[in-house]
Amino acid sequence: MLPHKRAMRSLSLLAGAGLVALAGCVPAPTVAPPAPAPRPLPAATPVAPRPAPTLGADWRDWPLTPGDWRYRAEPGGGSASFGVAGSMPVATLRCDLATRRVTLARMGATATAATLTLRTTSAVRGVPAVPDARASGMIVVSFAANDSFLDAIGYSRGRFVVEGLGLPTLVIPAWPEILRVVEDCRK
């Protein structure tokens, strides 16, 4: 390497070291930098409560009640419950094999006998409902196992409806679990 290049290199190293030394001499700031100005919050818009959905004239277009059917085989006759997993069922269909009766229980309460209306694609029936002796907070309607209305419920096109007593209307899918319980009682 040529002597003047060596000198230039040494000089640049000395200059760099000097700058590093000077940077270490700068005192730390004693005052914290000012916080940035807060952003203005958007004006709160009042949220109006959502109105209950209006049900159209044709019950076959009403939205389904959330949930699924779950069948359970039991010694005295099968049962199927409908509702959201992890929550109390909103409806239960039970077979009492000893009496050959099928009961449909739904959430709700009534102090005395009253009438629930059940709608299927082929039939509409008002059915006497009473408090369920097996489950508090439920009301129950009962059918003979050979009642053809049970077939109307099971074969209804996609859904059937349980309404009345000022309770929320249940729009329940007509799944195979319904007919499975009915068949348990017809054996």
N, C-alpha and C. Protein backbone atom coordinates (compact mmCIF):
# COMPACT_ATOMS: atom_id res chain seq x y z
N MET A 1 0.84 -1.16 0.00
CA MET A 1 0.00 0.00 0.00
C MET A 1 0.89 1.23 0.00
N LEU A 2 0.52 2.25 -0.64
CA LEU A 2 1.28 3.48 -0.73
C LEU A 2 1.19 4.26 0.57
N PRO A 3 2.27 5.00 0.92
CA PRO A 3 2.28 5.71 2.19
C PRO A 3 1.16 6.73 2.32
N HIS A 4 0.79 7.43 1.28
CA HIS A 4 -0.25 8.45 1.44
C HIS A 4 -1.62 7.80 1.65
N LYS A 5 -1.84 6.59 1.09
CA LYS A 5 -3.11 5.90 1.30
C LYS A 5 -3.19 5.40 2.73
N ARG A 6 -2.03 4.95 3.27
CA ARG A 6 -1.99 4.50 4.64
C ARG A 6 -2.30 5.66 5.58
N ALA A 7 -1.78 6.79 5.28
CA ALA A 7 -2.00 7.97 6.11
C ALA A 7 -3.47 8.38 6.06
N MET A 8 -4.06 8.31 4.89
CA MET A 8 -5.47 8.68 4.75
C MET A 8 -6.35 7.71 5.54
N ARG A 9 -5.97 6.47 5.48
CA ARG A 9 -6.75 5.46 6.19
C ARG A 9 -6.65 5.69 7.70
N SER A 10 -5.49 5.95 8.19
CA SER A 10 -5.28 6.22 9.62
C SER A 10 -6.04 7.46 10.04
N LEU A 11 -6.02 8.47 9.19
CA LEU A 11 -6.71 9.71 9.50
C LEU A 11 -8.22 9.48 9.58
N SER A 12 -8.78 8.69 8.68
CA SER A 12 -10.22 8.45 8.71
C SER A 12 -10.60 7.60 9.92
N LEU A 13 -9.73 6.67 10.34
CA LEU A 13 -10.00 5.89 11.55
C LEU A 13 -9.99 6.79 12.77
N LEU A 14 -9.01 7.72 12.83
CA LEU A 14 -8.93 8.66 13.96
C LEU A 14 -10.17 9.56 13.99
N ALA A 15 -10.61 10.01 12.82
CA ALA A 15 -11.78 10.89 12.77
C ALA A 15 -13.02 10.13 13.24
N GLY A 16 -13.18 8.87 12.82
CA GLY A 16 -14.32 8.06 13.26
C GLY A 16 -14.29 7.83 14.75
N ALA A 17 -13.10 7.54 15.32
CA ALA A 17 -12.97 7.33 16.76
C ALA A 17 -13.29 8.60 17.51
N GLY A 18 -12.92 9.71 16.96
CA GLY A 18 -13.20 10.99 17.61
C GLY A 18 -14.69 11.28 17.66
N LEU A 19 -15.38 10.95 16.59
CA LEU A 19 -16.82 11.19 16.57
C LEU A 19 -17.53 10.29 17.59
N VAL A 20 -17.05 9.05 17.72
CA VAL A 20 -17.64 8.15 18.70
C VAL A 20 -17.40 8.68 20.10
N ALA A 21 -16.20 9.21 20.35
CA ALA A 21 -15.89 9.77 21.67
C ALA A 21 -16.75 10.99 21.96
N LEU A 22 -16.94 11.83 20.96
CA LEU A 22 -17.77 13.02 21.16
C LEU A 22 -19.23 12.64 21.43
N ALA A 23 -19.70 11.62 20.77
CA ALA A 23 -21.09 11.20 20.97
C ALA A 23 -21.31 10.75 22.40
N GLY A 24 -20.31 10.14 23.02
CA GLY A 24 -20.42 9.71 24.40
C GLY A 24 -20.43 10.88 25.37
N CYS A 25 -20.00 12.08 24.94
CA CYS A 25 -19.97 13.25 25.82
C CYS A 25 -21.29 14.00 25.86
N VAL A 26 -22.22 13.68 25.04
CA VAL A 26 -23.49 14.39 25.01
C VAL A 26 -24.31 13.95 26.22
N PRO A 27 -24.74 14.90 27.06
CA PRO A 27 -25.51 14.52 28.24
C PRO A 27 -26.90 13.99 27.84
N ALA A 28 -27.38 13.07 28.64
CA ALA A 28 -28.72 12.52 28.40
C ALA A 28 -29.74 13.60 28.67
N PRO A 29 -30.82 13.62 27.92
CA PRO A 29 -31.85 14.65 28.17
C PRO A 29 -32.48 14.43 29.55
N THR A 30 -32.72 15.51 30.24
CA THR A 30 -33.32 15.43 31.58
C THR A 30 -34.82 15.54 31.55
N VAL A 31 -35.38 16.02 30.49
CA VAL A 31 -36.83 16.19 30.37
C VAL A 31 -37.34 15.18 29.33
N ALA A 32 -38.38 14.47 29.71
CA ALA A 32 -38.97 13.51 28.78
C ALA A 32 -39.62 14.26 27.62
N PRO A 33 -39.54 13.69 26.45
CA PRO A 33 -40.19 14.36 25.33
C PRO A 33 -41.69 14.43 25.56
N PRO A 34 -42.36 15.47 25.06
CA PRO A 34 -43.80 15.59 25.29
C PRO A 34 -44.56 14.43 24.63
N ALA A 35 -45.61 14.01 25.31
CA ALA A 35 -46.45 12.94 24.77
C ALA A 35 -47.18 13.45 23.54
N PRO A 36 -47.40 12.58 22.58
CA PRO A 36 -48.13 13.04 21.40
C PRO A 36 -49.55 13.45 21.80
N ALA A 37 -50.06 14.41 21.09
CA ALA A 37 -51.42 14.90 21.38
C ALA A 37 -52.42 13.77 21.15
N PRO A 38 -53.37 13.58 22.08
CA PRO A 38 -54.36 12.51 21.89
C PRO A 38 -55.24 12.79 20.68
N ARG A 39 -55.58 11.70 20.02
CA ARG A 39 -56.46 11.83 18.86
C ARG A 39 -57.88 12.04 19.36
N PRO A 40 -58.63 12.88 18.71
CA PRO A 40 -60.03 13.05 19.14
C PRO A 40 -60.81 11.77 18.87
N LEU A 41 -61.65 11.41 19.83
CA LEU A 41 -62.50 10.22 19.67
C LEU A 41 -63.69 10.56 18.79
N PRO A 42 -64.10 9.60 17.96
CA PRO A 42 -65.29 9.88 17.15
C PRO A 42 -66.51 10.00 18.06
N ALA A 43 -67.43 10.80 17.65
CA ALA A 43 -68.65 11.00 18.45
C ALA A 43 -69.41 9.67 18.53
N ALA A 44 -69.85 9.34 19.74
CA ALA A 44 -70.58 8.09 19.95
C ALA A 44 -71.95 8.19 19.29
N THR A 45 -72.27 7.16 18.55
CA THR A 45 -73.58 7.10 17.90
C THR A 45 -74.47 6.23 18.77
N PRO A 46 -75.59 6.74 19.23
CA PRO A 46 -76.45 5.90 20.06
C PRO A 46 -76.95 4.70 19.26
N VAL A 47 -76.91 3.55 19.93
CA VAL A 47 -77.35 2.31 19.28
C VAL A 47 -78.78 2.04 19.71
N ALA A 48 -79.66 2.05 18.75
CA ALA A 48 -81.06 1.75 19.05
C ALA A 48 -81.22 0.25 19.17
N PRO A 49 -82.05 -0.21 20.08
CA PRO A 49 -82.26 -1.66 20.18
C PRO A 49 -82.84 -2.19 18.88
N ARG A 50 -82.38 -3.37 18.53
CA ARG A 50 -82.89 -3.99 17.30
C ARG A 50 -84.34 -4.40 17.51
N PRO A 51 -85.17 -4.06 16.57
CA PRO A 51 -86.56 -4.51 16.71
C PRO A 51 -86.62 -6.02 16.48
N ALA A 52 -87.58 -6.65 17.10
CA ALA A 52 -87.77 -8.09 16.89
C ALA A 52 -88.09 -8.30 15.42
N PRO A 53 -87.53 -9.37 14.84
CA PRO A 53 -87.83 -9.58 13.42
C PRO A 53 -89.32 -9.81 13.22
N THR A 54 -89.83 -9.20 12.20
CA THR A 54 -91.24 -9.40 11.90
C THR A 54 -91.36 -10.66 11.06
N LEU A 55 -92.28 -11.48 11.45
CA LEU A 55 -92.48 -12.73 10.74
C LEU A 55 -93.47 -12.47 9.62
N GLY A 56 -93.11 -12.93 8.44
CA GLY A 56 -93.97 -12.74 7.28
C GLY A 56 -95.23 -13.57 7.38
N ALA A 57 -96.05 -13.45 6.40
CA ALA A 57 -97.33 -14.15 6.41
C ALA A 57 -97.14 -15.66 6.27
N ASP A 58 -96.11 -16.10 5.54
CA ASP A 58 -95.92 -17.52 5.30
C ASP A 58 -94.91 -18.09 6.31
N TRP A 59 -95.36 -18.92 7.23
CA TRP A 59 -94.51 -19.45 8.30
C TRP A 59 -93.37 -20.31 7.75
N ARG A 60 -93.51 -20.80 6.54
CA ARG A 60 -92.45 -21.62 5.93
C ARG A 60 -91.22 -20.79 5.58
N ASP A 61 -91.37 -19.45 5.61
CA ASP A 61 -90.23 -18.56 5.35
C ASP A 61 -89.62 -18.02 6.64
N TRP A 62 -90.20 -18.33 7.78
CA TRP A 62 -89.67 -17.83 9.04
C TRP A 62 -88.32 -18.47 9.33
N PRO A 63 -87.41 -17.73 9.97
CA PRO A 63 -86.10 -18.31 10.28
C PRO A 63 -86.22 -19.43 11.31
N LEU A 64 -85.39 -20.45 11.15
CA LEU A 64 -85.38 -21.57 12.09
C LEU A 64 -84.87 -21.13 13.46
N THR A 65 -85.42 -21.72 14.49
CA THR A 65 -84.90 -21.52 15.84
C THR A 65 -83.51 -22.18 15.87
N PRO A 66 -82.49 -21.50 16.41
CA PRO A 66 -81.15 -22.09 16.43
C PRO A 66 -81.10 -23.38 17.24
N GLY A 67 -80.38 -24.35 16.73
CA GLY A 67 -80.18 -25.59 17.47
C GLY A 67 -80.12 -26.80 16.57
N ASP A 68 -79.95 -27.94 17.21
CA ASP A 68 -79.89 -29.23 16.53
C ASP A 68 -80.68 -30.24 17.35
N TRP A 69 -81.12 -31.31 16.69
CA TRP A 69 -81.78 -32.42 17.36
C TRP A 69 -80.71 -33.40 17.84
N ARG A 70 -80.91 -33.99 19.02
CA ARG A 70 -80.05 -35.05 19.54
C ARG A 70 -80.94 -36.17 20.07
N TYR A 71 -80.77 -37.36 19.50
CA TYR A 71 -81.58 -38.52 19.89
C TYR A 71 -80.85 -39.29 20.99
N ARG A 72 -81.65 -39.86 21.90
CA ARG A 72 -81.08 -40.70 22.96
C ARG A 72 -82.00 -41.89 23.18
N ALA A 73 -81.43 -43.09 23.03
CA ALA A 73 -82.20 -44.32 23.30
C ALA A 73 -82.32 -44.49 24.81
N GLU A 74 -83.51 -44.84 25.27
CA GLU A 74 -83.76 -45.04 26.69
C GLU A 74 -84.59 -46.32 26.86
N PRO A 75 -84.48 -46.99 28.01
CA PRO A 75 -85.21 -48.25 28.20
C PRO A 75 -86.72 -48.12 28.04
N GLY A 76 -87.31 -47.02 28.51
CA GLY A 76 -88.76 -46.84 28.44
C GLY A 76 -89.23 -46.19 27.16
N GLY A 77 -88.34 -45.98 26.19
CA GLY A 77 -88.67 -45.30 24.93
C GLY A 77 -87.68 -44.19 24.68
N GLY A 78 -87.36 -43.94 23.43
CA GLY A 78 -86.36 -42.93 23.10
C GLY A 78 -86.84 -41.51 23.32
N SER A 79 -85.87 -40.60 23.27
CA SER A 79 -86.20 -39.18 23.36
C SER A 79 -85.26 -38.41 22.45
N ALA A 80 -85.70 -37.26 22.03
CA ALA A 80 -84.87 -36.37 21.22
C ALA A 80 -85.06 -34.96 21.75
N SER A 81 -83.95 -34.25 21.91
CA SER A 81 -84.04 -32.87 22.38
C SER A 81 -83.52 -31.94 21.31
N PHE A 82 -84.09 -30.74 21.28
CA PHE A 82 -83.70 -29.75 20.28
C PHE A 82 -83.25 -28.49 21.00
N GLY A 83 -82.10 -27.99 20.59
CA GLY A 83 -81.59 -26.74 21.14
C GLY A 83 -80.12 -26.58 20.79
N VAL A 84 -79.54 -25.54 21.34
CA VAL A 84 -78.14 -25.24 21.12
C VAL A 84 -77.32 -26.09 22.09
N ALA A 85 -76.27 -26.73 21.60
CA ALA A 85 -75.42 -27.58 22.45
C ALA A 85 -74.90 -26.77 23.63
N GLY A 86 -74.92 -27.38 24.81
CA GLY A 86 -74.44 -26.72 26.01
C GLY A 86 -75.49 -25.89 26.72
N SER A 87 -76.68 -25.79 26.14
CA SER A 87 -77.78 -25.03 26.75
C SER A 87 -78.96 -25.97 26.99
N MET A 88 -79.90 -25.50 27.77
CA MET A 88 -81.12 -26.28 27.98
C MET A 88 -81.85 -26.41 26.65
N PRO A 89 -82.40 -27.60 26.37
CA PRO A 89 -83.16 -27.73 25.11
C PRO A 89 -84.41 -26.86 25.13
N VAL A 90 -84.77 -26.35 23.97
CA VAL A 90 -86.00 -25.55 23.87
C VAL A 90 -87.20 -26.44 23.60
N ALA A 91 -86.95 -27.67 23.13
CA ALA A 91 -88.03 -28.63 22.89
C ALA A 91 -87.49 -30.04 23.08
N THR A 92 -88.35 -30.92 23.58
CA THR A 92 -87.98 -32.32 23.77
C THR A 92 -89.16 -33.19 23.35
N LEU A 93 -88.87 -34.23 22.60
CA LEU A 93 -89.87 -35.21 22.18
C LEU A 93 -89.53 -36.50 22.90
N ARG A 94 -90.52 -37.08 23.64
CA ARG A 94 -90.26 -38.30 24.42
C ARG A 94 -91.31 -39.35 24.11
N CYS A 95 -90.85 -40.59 24.11
CA CYS A 95 -91.76 -41.73 23.97
C CYS A 95 -91.90 -42.37 25.34
N ASP A 96 -93.14 -42.57 25.77
CA ASP A 96 -93.42 -43.36 26.98
C ASP A 96 -93.98 -44.68 26.46
N LEU A 97 -93.10 -45.67 26.38
CA LEU A 97 -93.47 -46.96 25.78
C LEU A 97 -94.56 -47.66 26.57
N ALA A 98 -94.58 -47.49 27.90
CA ALA A 98 -95.57 -48.16 28.74
C ALA A 98 -96.99 -47.69 28.41
N THR A 99 -97.15 -46.39 28.12
CA THR A 99 -98.48 -45.85 27.82
C THR A 99 -98.71 -45.64 26.32
N ARG A 100 -97.67 -45.86 25.53
CA ARG A 100 -97.73 -45.62 24.08
C ARG A 100 -98.14 -44.19 23.78
N ARG A 101 -97.49 -43.24 24.48
CA ARG A 101 -97.75 -41.81 24.29
C ARG A 101 -96.44 -41.12 23.92
N VAL A 102 -96.56 -40.14 23.04
CA VAL A 102 -95.43 -39.30 22.66
C VAL A 102 -95.75 -37.90 23.17
N THR A 103 -94.80 -37.31 23.90
CA THR A 103 -95.00 -35.96 24.42
C THR A 103 -94.00 -35.02 23.77
N LEU A 104 -94.46 -33.82 23.53
CA LEU A 104 -93.61 -32.75 23.03
C LEU A 104 -93.60 -31.68 24.12
N ALA A 105 -92.43 -31.46 24.70
CA ALA A 105 -92.28 -30.43 25.73
C ALA A 105 -91.52 -29.26 25.13
N ARG A 106 -91.88 -28.06 25.55
CA ARG A 106 -91.18 -26.86 25.09
C ARG A 106 -90.92 -25.96 26.28
N MET A 107 -89.92 -25.10 26.18
CA MET A 107 -89.63 -24.14 27.24
C MET A 107 -90.82 -23.21 27.39
N GLY A 108 -91.13 -22.89 28.63
CA GLY A 108 -92.22 -21.98 28.90
C GLY A 108 -92.94 -22.41 30.15
N ALA A 109 -93.83 -21.61 30.59
CA ALA A 109 -94.58 -21.92 31.81
C ALA A 109 -96.03 -21.50 31.63
N THR A 110 -96.90 -22.26 32.26
CA THR A 110 -98.31 -21.92 32.34
C THR A 110 -98.82 -22.48 33.65
N ALA A 111 -99.65 -21.75 34.33
CA ALA A 111 -100.18 -22.20 35.61
C ALA A 111 -101.33 -23.19 35.43
N THR A 112 -102.02 -23.06 34.33
CA THR A 112 -103.18 -23.92 34.07
C THR A 112 -103.07 -24.51 32.67
N ALA A 113 -103.99 -25.36 32.36
CA ALA A 113 -104.03 -25.92 31.01
C ALA A 113 -104.29 -24.80 30.01
N ALA A 114 -103.64 -24.87 28.88
CA ALA A 114 -103.78 -23.86 27.84
C ALA A 114 -103.64 -24.58 26.49
N THR A 115 -103.60 -23.82 25.42
CA THR A 115 -103.50 -24.43 24.10
C THR A 115 -102.28 -23.91 23.36
N LEU A 116 -101.52 -24.84 22.79
CA LEU A 116 -100.44 -24.50 21.87
C LEU A 116 -100.91 -24.85 20.46
N THR A 117 -100.46 -24.09 19.49
CA THR A 117 -100.78 -24.38 18.10
C THR A 117 -99.54 -24.95 17.44
N LEU A 118 -99.72 -26.09 16.77
CA LEU A 118 -98.63 -26.73 16.02
C LEU A 118 -98.98 -26.68 14.55
N ARG A 119 -98.02 -26.23 13.73
CA ARG A 119 -98.23 -26.10 12.29
C ARG A 119 -97.25 -26.99 11.54
N THR A 120 -97.74 -27.73 10.58
CA THR A 120 -96.91 -28.50 9.67
C THR A 120 -97.36 -28.14 8.26
N THR A 121 -96.66 -28.66 7.26
CA THR A 121 -97.06 -28.33 5.89
C THR A 121 -98.39 -28.96 5.51
N SER A 122 -98.81 -30.01 6.26
CA SER A 122 -100.07 -30.66 5.89
C SER A 122 -101.19 -30.48 6.91
N ALA A 123 -100.89 -29.92 8.09
CA ALA A 123 -101.94 -29.81 9.11
C ALA A 123 -101.60 -28.72 10.13
N VAL A 124 -102.66 -28.20 10.76
CA VAL A 124 -102.53 -27.27 11.88
C VAL A 124 -103.43 -27.81 12.97
N ARG A 125 -102.89 -27.82 14.21
CA ARG A 125 -103.71 -28.35 15.29
C ARG A 125 -103.45 -27.55 16.58
N GLY A 126 -104.55 -27.21 17.26
CA GLY A 126 -104.46 -26.66 18.61
C GLY A 126 -104.43 -27.83 19.59
N VAL A 127 -103.44 -27.86 20.46
CA VAL A 127 -103.25 -29.00 21.34
C VAL A 127 -103.21 -28.51 22.79
N PRO A 128 -103.96 -29.17 23.70
CA PRO A 128 -103.91 -28.76 25.10
C PRO A 128 -102.50 -28.95 25.67
N ALA A 129 -102.03 -27.94 26.39
CA ALA A 129 -100.70 -27.97 27.00
C ALA A 129 -100.83 -27.81 28.51
N VAL A 130 -100.01 -28.53 29.24
CA VAL A 130 -100.01 -28.47 30.71
C VAL A 130 -98.57 -28.36 31.17
N PRO A 131 -98.35 -27.91 32.41
CA PRO A 131 -96.98 -27.89 32.93
C PRO A 131 -96.39 -29.30 32.92
N ASP A 132 -95.11 -29.40 32.59
CA ASP A 132 -94.43 -30.70 32.51
C ASP A 132 -94.06 -31.15 33.93
N ALA A 133 -94.58 -32.29 34.35
CA ALA A 133 -94.30 -32.81 35.69
C ALA A 133 -92.85 -33.30 35.79
N ARG A 134 -92.21 -33.61 34.66
CA ARG A 134 -90.84 -34.14 34.67
C ARG A 134 -89.78 -33.05 34.61
N ALA A 135 -90.13 -31.86 34.16
CA ALA A 135 -89.14 -30.79 34.01
C ALA A 135 -89.78 -29.44 34.29
N SER A 136 -89.29 -28.76 35.30
CA SER A 136 -89.86 -27.43 35.59
C SER A 136 -89.43 -26.45 34.50
N GLY A 137 -90.28 -25.48 34.26
CA GLY A 137 -90.01 -24.50 33.22
C GLY A 137 -90.35 -24.99 31.82
N MET A 138 -91.04 -26.13 31.76
CA MET A 138 -91.44 -26.69 30.46
C MET A 138 -92.94 -26.93 30.48
N ILE A 139 -93.55 -26.84 29.31
CA ILE A 139 -94.95 -27.22 29.15
C ILE A 139 -94.99 -28.34 28.13
N VAL A 140 -96.00 -29.18 28.23
CA VAL A 140 -96.02 -30.40 27.44
C VAL A 140 -97.38 -30.62 26.77
N VAL A 141 -97.31 -31.16 25.55
CA VAL A 141 -98.50 -31.63 24.84
C VAL A 141 -98.29 -33.12 24.60
N SER A 142 -99.37 -33.87 24.52
CA SER A 142 -99.25 -35.32 24.44
C SER A 142 -100.09 -35.87 23.29
N PHE A 143 -99.57 -36.92 22.66
CA PHE A 143 -100.25 -37.57 21.54
C PHE A 143 -100.22 -39.08 21.74
N ALA A 144 -101.25 -39.77 21.27
CA ALA A 144 -101.19 -41.23 21.20
C ALA A 144 -100.13 -41.57 20.15
N ALA A 145 -99.39 -42.66 20.37
CA ALA A 145 -98.31 -43.02 19.46
C ALA A 145 -98.79 -43.22 18.03
N ASN A 146 -100.04 -43.63 17.85
CA ASN A 146 -100.55 -43.86 16.50
C ASN A 146 -101.24 -42.64 15.89
N ASP A 147 -101.15 -41.48 16.54
CA ASP A 147 -101.77 -40.25 16.02
C ASP A 147 -101.06 -39.83 14.73
N SER A 148 -101.81 -39.66 13.66
CA SER A 148 -101.21 -39.30 12.36
C SER A 148 -100.60 -37.90 12.37
N PHE A 149 -100.95 -37.07 13.36
CA PHE A 149 -100.35 -35.74 13.43
C PHE A 149 -98.85 -35.84 13.69
N LEU A 150 -98.41 -36.90 14.39
CA LEU A 150 -96.97 -37.10 14.61
C LEU A 150 -96.25 -37.32 13.27
N ASP A 151 -96.90 -38.02 12.35
CA ASP A 151 -96.33 -38.20 11.01
C ASP A 151 -96.28 -36.86 10.27
N ALA A 152 -97.32 -36.05 10.46
CA ALA A 152 -97.34 -34.73 9.82
C ALA A 152 -96.17 -33.88 10.32
N ILE A 153 -95.84 -33.98 11.61
CA ILE A 153 -94.69 -33.24 12.15
C ILE A 153 -93.40 -33.78 11.54
N GLY A 154 -93.23 -35.09 11.56
CA GLY A 154 -91.99 -35.69 11.07
C GLY A 154 -91.76 -35.52 9.58
N TYR A 155 -92.85 -35.48 8.80
CA TYR A 155 -92.71 -35.36 7.35
C TYR A 155 -92.95 -33.93 6.86
N SER A 156 -93.13 -32.98 7.76
CA SER A 156 -93.34 -31.60 7.36
C SER A 156 -92.13 -31.15 6.52
N ARG A 157 -92.35 -30.35 5.53
CA ARG A 157 -91.28 -29.95 4.61
C ARG A 157 -90.30 -28.98 5.27
N GLY A 158 -89.33 -29.56 5.91
CA GLY A 158 -88.23 -28.77 6.45
C GLY A 158 -88.42 -28.22 7.84
N ARG A 159 -89.66 -28.02 8.28
CA ARG A 159 -89.88 -27.39 9.58
C ARG A 159 -91.31 -27.56 10.05
N PHE A 160 -91.49 -27.36 11.35
CA PHE A 160 -92.82 -27.24 11.91
C PHE A 160 -92.76 -26.14 12.96
N VAL A 161 -93.91 -25.63 13.37
CA VAL A 161 -93.98 -24.47 14.25
C VAL A 161 -94.75 -24.83 15.51
N VAL A 162 -94.23 -24.34 16.66
CA VAL A 162 -94.93 -24.45 17.94
C VAL A 162 -95.11 -23.02 18.43
N GLU A 163 -96.39 -22.61 18.62
CA GLU A 163 -96.64 -21.23 19.03
C GLU A 163 -97.83 -21.15 19.98
N GLY A 164 -97.85 -20.05 20.73
CA GLY A 164 -98.98 -19.80 21.62
C GLY A 164 -98.55 -19.43 23.02
N LEU A 165 -99.51 -19.08 23.85
CA LEU A 165 -99.33 -18.70 25.25
C LEU A 165 -98.44 -17.48 25.43
N GLY A 166 -98.26 -16.68 24.38
CA GLY A 166 -97.41 -15.50 24.49
C GLY A 166 -95.92 -15.84 24.55
N LEU A 167 -95.57 -17.09 24.28
CA LEU A 167 -94.17 -17.52 24.30
C LEU A 167 -93.53 -17.28 22.93
N PRO A 168 -92.19 -17.21 22.89
CA PRO A 168 -91.56 -17.08 21.57
C PRO A 168 -91.94 -18.26 20.67
N THR A 169 -92.19 -17.96 19.44
CA THR A 169 -92.53 -18.99 18.47
C THR A 169 -91.30 -19.84 18.16
N LEU A 170 -91.47 -21.16 18.19
CA LEU A 170 -90.40 -22.07 17.84
C LEU A 170 -90.62 -22.55 16.41
N VAL A 171 -89.61 -22.39 15.57
CA VAL A 171 -89.64 -22.90 14.21
C VAL A 171 -88.55 -23.97 14.18
N ILE A 172 -88.99 -25.22 14.26
CA ILE A 172 -88.07 -26.33 14.50
C ILE A 172 -87.92 -27.17 13.23
N PRO A 173 -86.67 -27.53 12.88
CA PRO A 173 -86.49 -28.36 11.68
C PRO A 173 -87.07 -29.76 11.89
N ALA A 174 -87.65 -30.29 10.85
CA ALA A 174 -88.24 -31.64 10.89
C ALA A 174 -87.15 -32.63 10.46
N TRP A 175 -86.38 -33.09 11.42
CA TRP A 175 -85.28 -34.01 11.15
C TRP A 175 -85.69 -35.43 11.51
N PRO A 176 -84.92 -36.43 11.11
CA PRO A 176 -85.27 -37.84 11.34
C PRO A 176 -85.43 -38.24 12.81
N GLU A 177 -84.82 -37.51 13.72
CA GLU A 177 -84.93 -37.85 15.14
C GLU A 177 -86.38 -37.85 15.61
N ILE A 178 -87.21 -37.02 15.01
CA ILE A 178 -88.62 -36.95 15.37
C ILE A 178 -89.30 -38.29 15.11
N LEU A 179 -89.16 -38.78 13.89
CA LEU A 179 -89.81 -40.05 13.53
C LEU A 179 -89.17 -41.23 14.24
N ARG A 180 -87.92 -41.12 14.61
CA ARG A 180 -87.26 -42.19 15.35
C ARG A 180 -87.93 -42.36 16.72
N VAL A 181 -88.21 -41.24 17.39
CA VAL A 181 -88.91 -41.30 18.69
C VAL A 181 -90.31 -41.87 18.50
N VAL A 182 -91.01 -41.44 17.48
CA VAL A 182 -92.36 -41.92 17.20
C VAL A 182 -92.33 -43.43 16.95
N GLU A 183 -91.40 -43.89 16.15
CA GLU A 183 -91.29 -45.32 15.85
C GLU A 183 -90.96 -46.13 17.12
N ASP A 184 -90.16 -45.54 18.03
CA ASP A 184 -89.89 -46.23 19.31
C ASP A 184 -91.19 -46.56 20.02
N CYS A 185 -92.18 -45.67 19.93
CA CYS A 185 -93.45 -45.86 20.62
C CYS A 185 -94.42 -46.75 19.86
N ARG A 186 -94.15 -46.98 18.60
CA ARG A 186 -95.07 -47.79 17.78
C ARG A 186 -94.63 -49.25 17.70
N LYS A 187 -93.54 -49.60 18.33
CA LYS A 187 -93.04 -50.99 18.26
C LYS A 187 -93.96 -51.95 18.94
